[in-house]
Amino acid sequence: QLQFVESGGGLVQPGGSLRLSCAASGFSLDYDAIGWFRQAPGKEHEGVSCISSSDGSTIYADSVKGRFTISRDNAKNTVYLQMNSLKPEDTAVYYCAPIETYYYCSGYVSGGLYEYDYWGQGTQVTVSS
């Protein structure tokens, strides 16, 4: 069964940093793209960033541009999200998910809804003093 395992979340003060990891369980990260999403209480999943599997292209939501960096380690079958200069509004549960086509990522990080049925447990990020 398709499953991603997210980890690395925690409680951090404003201005702090965290690095999230997304590991594929039982299969390869062989999709056209992998995306990071987040969900705050009472809200839909919001696209944060995507990375292309073919050429490593990346895209970010305006709200995180310049602060977050997505990367991948194919040898470890893992995608990362380095989050710096964290703000209270970054507080959410963060998830990763495969994306059929990297071309669609621009829509997801611009507020488009990603209809995905296999969200994992996610990892909680709380930014608070």
Foldseek 3Di string as FASTA:
>chain_A
DWDKDKDWADEAAQQAKIKMKIATPPDALPAQKKWKWWDDPPDATATAKMAGPPPGDMDGAPVQPPFWDWDDDRVRRMIMIIGGRDDQVVWTFMWMDGDRHPVCSVVRSDPHHDDDDHTDPGHTHGYHD
